[in-house]
Protein backbone atom coordinates (compact mmCIF):
# COMPACT_ATOMS: atom_id res chain seq x y z
CA MET A 1 -29.78 -20.47 -23.29
CA GLY A 2 -26.05 -20.11 -22.85
CA ARG A 3 -24.50 -17.10 -21.26
CA GLY A 4 -23.55 -14.39 -23.73
CA ALA A 5 -19.98 -13.40 -24.38
CA CYS A 6 -18.49 -10.89 -21.97
CA VAL A 7 -18.11 -7.30 -23.05
CA PRO A 8 -14.62 -5.95 -22.25
CA HIS A 9 -14.59 -2.62 -20.42
CA PRO A 10 -10.89 -2.07 -19.71
CA ILE A 11 -9.98 0.99 -17.69
CA SER A 12 -6.57 2.49 -17.03
CA LEU A 13 -4.78 4.10 -14.11
CA ALA A 14 -1.32 4.58 -12.59
CA VAL A 15 0.07 4.12 -9.09
CA PHE A 16 3.38 5.60 -7.89
CA GLU A 17 4.63 5.07 -4.34
CA TRP A 18 7.78 5.93 -2.38
CA ARG A 19 8.40 3.24 0.24
CA LYS A 20 10.62 2.81 3.29
CA THR A 21 10.44 -0.43 5.27
CA TYR A 22 11.86 -0.96 8.75
CA SER A 23 12.41 -4.52 9.98
CA ASN A 24 13.20 -6.26 13.26
CA THR A 25 15.62 -8.49 11.34
CA GLY A 26 17.86 -6.00 9.54
CA PRO A 27 18.43 -2.43 8.29
CA PRO A 28 15.70 -0.40 6.54
CA SER A 29 15.11 -0.74 2.79
CA GLU A 30 13.76 1.88 0.35
CA GLN A 31 12.00 1.52 -3.00
CA PHE A 32 10.22 3.52 -5.68
CA TYR A 33 7.24 1.56 -7.04
CA ALA A 34 5.39 2.36 -10.27
CA ARG A 35 2.52 0.65 -12.06
CA MET A 36 0.76 1.89 -15.18
CA SER A 37 -1.63 -0.52 -16.84
CA GLN A 38 -5.15 -1.19 -18.03
CA ALA A 39 -7.42 -4.08 -17.06
CA GLU A 40 -10.97 -4.93 -16.09
CA GLY A 41 -12.33 -2.44 -13.56
CA ASN A 42 -12.54 -4.89 -10.67
CA TYR A 43 -8.82 -5.63 -10.91
CA PHE A 44 -7.73 -2.23 -9.66
CA PRO A 45 -7.54 -0.74 -6.15
CA ALA A 46 -9.99 1.98 -5.19
CA LEU A 47 -9.55 5.44 -6.71
CA PRO A 48 -12.14 8.21 -7.10
CA PRO A 49 -14.23 7.04 -10.09
CA LYS A 50 -15.02 9.10 -13.16
CA PRO A 51 -18.10 8.59 -15.39
CA PRO A 52 -19.09 6.09 -16.61
CA TRP A 53 -17.24 4.18 -13.87
CA GLY A 54 -18.67 4.00 -10.39
CA PRO A 55 -19.56 3.76 -7.67
CA LEU A 56 -16.90 2.19 -5.47
CA LEU A 57 -18.04 -0.91 -3.60
CA ASN A 58 -15.92 -2.91 -1.15
CA GLY A 59 -12.81 -1.08 -2.34
CA PHE A 60 -13.23 -1.85 -6.03
CA VAL A 61 -14.30 0.13 -9.08
CA GLN A 62 -17.63 -1.25 -10.23
CA ASN A 63 -17.51 -2.06 -13.91
CA PRO A 64 -20.82 -1.99 -15.85
CA GLY A 65 -21.55 -4.98 -18.07
CA PRO A 66 -20.38 -8.59 -17.81
CA ASP A 67 -16.84 -8.96 -16.53
CA CYS A 68 -14.18 -10.49 -18.74
CA ARG A 69 -12.26 -12.16 -15.92
CA ASN A 70 -9.62 -13.52 -18.27
CA LEU A 71 -8.68 -10.05 -19.53
CA LEU A 72 -5.09 -9.78 -18.33
CA PRO A 73 -3.59 -6.43 -17.25
CA ALA A 74 -1.83 -4.75 -20.16
CA PRO A 75 1.08 -2.32 -19.69
CA LEU A 76 0.75 1.26 -20.88
CA ASP A 77 3.57 3.12 -22.61
CA ALA A 78 4.24 6.47 -20.96
CA GLY A 79 7.88 6.75 -21.93
CA THR A 80 10.66 6.78 -19.35
CA ILE A 81 9.60 7.64 -15.80
CA MET A 82 11.88 10.18 -14.10
CA ALA A 83 11.77 10.35 -10.29
CA TRP A 84 13.94 12.41 -7.99
CA VAL A 85 14.44 14.01 -4.60
CA THR A 86 16.09 17.43 -4.32
CA GLY A 87 19.83 17.08 -3.99
CA GLN A 88 19.91 13.40 -4.99
CA ALA A 89 20.41 11.49 -8.24
CA THR A 90 17.47 11.09 -10.61
CA ILE A 91 15.92 7.66 -11.15
CA SER A 92 15.32 7.01 -14.84
CA THR A 93 13.47 3.81 -15.66
CA PRO A 94 11.05 2.33 -18.19
CA LEU A 95 8.27 0.19 -16.76
CA GLY A 96 8.81 -3.56 -16.74
CA PRO A 97 6.61 -6.39 -18.09
CA GLY A 98 3.01 -6.01 -16.97
CA GLY A 99 3.47 -2.25 -16.63
CA GLU A 100 5.07 -2.18 -13.18
CA ILE A 101 8.49 -1.92 -11.58
CA SER A 102 10.07 -1.58 -8.14
CA VAL A 103 13.44 0.16 -7.93
CA SER A 104 15.71 -0.09 -4.88
CA LEU A 105 16.85 3.32 -3.62
CA PRO A 106 19.93 4.49 -1.71
CA SER A 107 19.51 4.87 2.03
CA GLY A 108 18.03 8.24 2.96
CA THR A 109 16.12 8.81 -0.29
CA VAL A 110 12.65 8.41 1.21
CA GLY A 111 12.19 10.97 3.97
CA ALA A 112 10.80 14.37 4.81
CA GLY A 113 10.60 16.71 1.81
CA PRO A 114 9.34 16.94 -1.79
CA HIS A 115 9.54 13.85 -4.05
CA THR A 116 8.88 14.39 -7.76
CA LEU A 117 8.14 12.23 -10.80
CA SER A 118 7.54 13.11 -14.44
CA THR A 119 7.54 11.79 -18.00
CA VAL A 120 7.41 13.31 -21.48
CA GLY A 121 4.80 10.70 -22.37
CA GLY A 122 4.59 7.75 -24.72
CA LYS A 123 2.23 6.16 -27.22
CA ASP A 124 -0.47 5.38 -24.58
CA VAL A 125 -0.13 8.09 -21.92
CA GLY A 126 0.58 11.81 -22.28
CA PRO A 127 3.15 13.85 -20.35
CA PHE A 128 2.70 14.57 -16.66
CA SER A 129 4.55 15.79 -13.58
CA SER A 130 3.69 15.41 -9.90
CA THR A 131 5.32 16.30 -6.58
CA VAL A 132 4.31 14.85 -3.22
CA ALA A 133 5.46 16.29 0.12
CA ILE A 134 6.45 13.40 2.37
CA PRO A 135 6.56 13.97 6.15
CA GLY A 136 9.11 12.38 8.45
CA PRO A 137 8.39 8.86 9.68
CA ILE A 138 6.81 7.98 12.98
CA GLN A 139 9.04 6.10 15.43
CA VAL A 140 7.58 2.88 16.80
CA THR A 141 8.77 2.73 20.41
CA SER A 142 7.37 -0.72 21.18
CA GLN A 143 9.93 -3.43 20.53
CA PHE A 144 9.13 -6.94 19.31
CA PRO A 145 12.37 -8.77 18.46
CA PRO A 146 12.15 -12.13 16.63
CA GLY A 147 11.07 -14.85 19.04
CA THR A 148 8.84 -12.56 21.13
CA THR A 149 5.82 -14.38 22.58
CA LEU A 150 2.49 -12.50 22.52
CA SER A 151 -0.40 -13.57 24.74
CA CYS A 152 -3.87 -13.71 23.22
CA ASN A 153 -5.30 -13.50 26.77
CA LYS A 154 -3.59 -10.21 27.67
CA PRO A 155 -3.68 -6.69 26.20
CA LEU A 156 -1.19 -5.98 23.41
CA THR A 157 -0.01 -2.37 23.18
CA VAL A 158 1.76 -0.70 20.24
CA SER A 159 3.15 2.83 20.79
CA TRP A 160 4.78 5.41 18.53
CA THR A 161 6.03 8.98 18.55
CA GLY A 162 6.10 11.61 15.80
CA GLY A 163 3.63 11.87 12.96
CA ASP A 164 0.97 14.48 12.26
CA ASP A 165 -2.67 14.83 11.23
CA GLN A 166 -1.66 14.50 7.56
CA SER A 167 -0.84 10.84 8.18
CA ALA A 168 -2.81 7.73 9.04
CA VAL A 169 -1.32 4.84 11.04
CA ASP A 170 -2.49 1.28 10.42
CA VAL A 171 -1.67 -1.20 13.21
CA LYS A 172 -2.21 -4.82 12.20
CA VAL A 173 -1.64 -8.09 14.09
CA ARG A 174 -1.58 -11.18 11.89
CA THR A 175 -1.44 -14.88 12.77
CA PHE A 176 -0.65 -17.88 10.56
CA ALA A 177 -1.81 -21.42 11.35
CA GLY A 178 -3.07 -24.36 9.32
CA GLY A 179 -2.48 -22.58 6.04
CA PHE A 180 -4.74 -19.65 7.02
CA GLU A 181 -4.03 -16.02 7.88
CA MET A 182 -6.20 -14.14 10.37
CA TYR A 183 -5.74 -10.57 11.52
CA MET A 184 -7.11 -7.66 13.50
CA GLU A 185 -6.50 -4.07 12.51
CA ALA A 186 -6.88 -0.50 13.73
CA ILE A 187 -6.50 2.61 11.50
CA LEU A 188 -5.71 5.73 13.53
CA SER A 189 -4.58 9.33 13.31
CA GLY A 190 -0.89 9.67 12.50
CA SER A 191 -0.20 11.81 15.56
CA ALA A 192 1.90 10.29 18.34
CA GLY A 193 -0.12 7.70 20.14
CA THR A 194 -0.75 4.27 21.56
CA TYR A 195 -3.16 1.55 20.57
CA THR A 196 -4.05 -1.45 22.69
CA PHE A 197 -5.77 -4.61 21.46
CA THR A 198 -7.71 -5.86 24.49
CA PRO A 199 -9.38 -9.25 25.17
CA PRO A 200 -11.96 -10.58 24.53
CA GLY A 201 -11.69 -8.98 21.08
CA PHE A 202 -8.13 -10.25 21.01
CA ALA A 203 -9.12 -13.82 21.81
CA LEU A 204 -9.45 -16.86 19.57
CA ASN A 205 -13.15 -17.28 20.22
CA ASP A 206 -13.82 -13.95 18.45
CA PHE A 207 -12.16 -15.33 15.29
CA LEU A 208 -9.76 -12.42 14.98
CA VAL A 209 -6.50 -14.28 15.55
CA ASP A 210 -5.39 -17.88 15.85
CA CYS A 211 -3.86 -18.98 19.13
CA PRO A 212 -1.37 -20.61 19.32
CA ALA A 213 0.17 -19.56 16.00
CA SER A 214 3.11 -17.78 14.42
CA ALA A 215 2.48 -14.03 14.31
CA GLU A 216 3.55 -10.70 12.83
CA ILE A 217 2.89 -7.05 13.69
CA ASP A 218 2.81 -4.42 10.94
CA VAL A 219 2.67 -0.67 11.64
CA THR A 220 2.19 1.38 8.49
CA GLN A 221 2.15 5.17 8.07
CA THR A 222 0.49 6.47 4.88
CA PRO A 223 -1.15 9.73 3.70
CA ALA A 224 -4.44 10.53 5.42
CA ALA A 225 -5.75 11.62 2.00
CA LEU A 226 -4.71 10.28 -1.39
CA MET A 227 -2.99 12.62 -3.84
CA THR A 228 -4.25 12.06 -7.38
CA PHE A 229 -3.61 13.74 -10.71
CA GLY A 230 -4.77 13.30 -14.30
CA ALA A 231 -3.02 12.58 -17.59
CA ASP A 232 -4.18 11.85 -21.11
CA GLY A 233 -4.66 8.12 -21.50
CA LEU A 234 -5.38 7.40 -17.83
CA MET A 235 -9.13 6.99 -17.43
CA LEU A 236 -8.96 7.00 -13.63
CA GLY A 237 -5.91 9.24 -13.37
CA ALA A 238 -2.93 8.44 -11.15
CA ARG A 239 -2.15 8.10 -7.47
CA HIS A 240 1.13 9.52 -6.06
CA ALA A 241 1.72 8.20 -2.55
CA TRP A 242 4.27 7.20 0.07
CA LYS A 243 4.49 4.58 2.80
CA TYR A 244 6.59 3.94 5.89
CA GLU A 245 6.21 0.41 7.24
CA TYR A 246 7.52 -1.26 10.40
CA GLN A 247 7.54 -5.07 10.13
CA PHE A 248 7.93 -7.23 13.22
CA THR A 249 8.22 -10.84 12.09
CA GLY A 250 9.14 -14.15 13.73
CA LEU A 251 6.71 -13.70 16.65
CA GLN A 252 4.56 -16.29 18.41
CA MET A 253 0.97 -16.03 19.65
CA SER A 254 0.33 -18.05 22.79
CA SER A 255 -2.52 -18.61 25.26
CA ARG A 256 -0.15 -18.26 28.19
C-alpha cells in the first residue's frame, strides 16, 4: 500500500528581536527583526507549546499527524508594525514577503531601557502591544583581531565585564574546513566572567573543532528567560527578545 496523503497542521507564531552586532572588522550595526507566519510545526523554533501542540523535542514543536514537508511558510497580516524606543523616532513597517523583515536602526537605538512594539491588527492577527526591558551590553575584553592564530593544543580564554543574572552569555568557537563547520559552545550566566576552552576537549581528536582551519568566535548575550505574549491569530503566541552579539572573524586555528 502507498503512503497516505499528509494532513496539514499549520501553526502560527511571531518573533520580534532587537539586535546589536559588534564586529572586529568595523563599527557596530543595529537591526529590528520581525517574523510573523504560519507553517508546519517542525519549521518553527522552540516556544512554550499550547494544546494540542507539544511536547518540545530537540528544540522543535512536535506536530501530530504526518508532516507536509512541502507546506511553505505563509505570511500573516497583522497590519503595520510600530516599534520605538523612548525619545527616538518610531519605526513603522509592514512585513515583507514570507512574513519577515529586518530594519536597520540608527546607532544607539538598541541599548539599556524599554523597547516597545505594537499593531492595531490585520486580517490574520489581532491587535497587540509589548514592551521589553533591555539591559546594557556586556563588554568582551578579550581581543581577537582578524588574522589572529588560535592554538587547538592550548587553552583559549574569552573574558567579559558587565551583564547581570537576567542575561545568558553564549560563547561559541567555530571552525570551517573541507566544506564542513564544527563548533564547541558554552552557555553561561550573563554576569561578568571568563570561560576557558581547555584541551583535550579543545583538540581535533574530540571532534569539536577542525585543526588547522579558518575560525570564528561568537559571544552572544540574550535574555536568560524568553518573554512571550499572546494575540488573536497566533496559535503559539509571540516572542519579544533582544540580542547583543560580538563577532570575531578572520581567525585561524592551528596545531602550533
